[in-house]
């Protein structure tokens, strides 16, 4: 084998190995980004303010579909908790739509809570939109709730403790 052919073979092998390494690094980076997003998501929702907002907003004593005036009269000063929750779901909707956070991840963490929030506050959001003549208020919250609802029509949700009951380490 002459030296030119040997150098070409070495160059080709090096190029192929470099490409394989590059693809592996991209996959590793994607998995790392997903894991970091999940950890950030979990940490951001473990604040006392967020937990309080969920307790206020999802209180079963507050009926679904109250108007803006009815809801504000019902919860009083705690309306800030409702806004915190709505704003959080709005942010998640944007991140999912922009593919910065995976919809599967949001579905695992929050699908039930987001769906219940939309049932409870959809009319409230509509009233705000009507009063301000701006349909973009909480548009991404609505979008996210609708995407999660669509998923549930295709396959009903199975609680994790049932879906993964055979899980082993």
Foldseek 3Di string as FASTA:
>chain_A
DDPVVVVVVVVVVVVVVVVVVVVVVVVVVVVVLQVVVLVVVVVVCPDPLLVLLLCLLLPPVQDFDDAQVVSCVVSPPSVVSLVVVLVVLLVVLVCCVVVSHPLVSCLLPPLVSLLSNCRRCVNHQVNVCVVVVHNPRSPSSVVSNVVSVVVCVVPNDDDPCVVCVVDDD
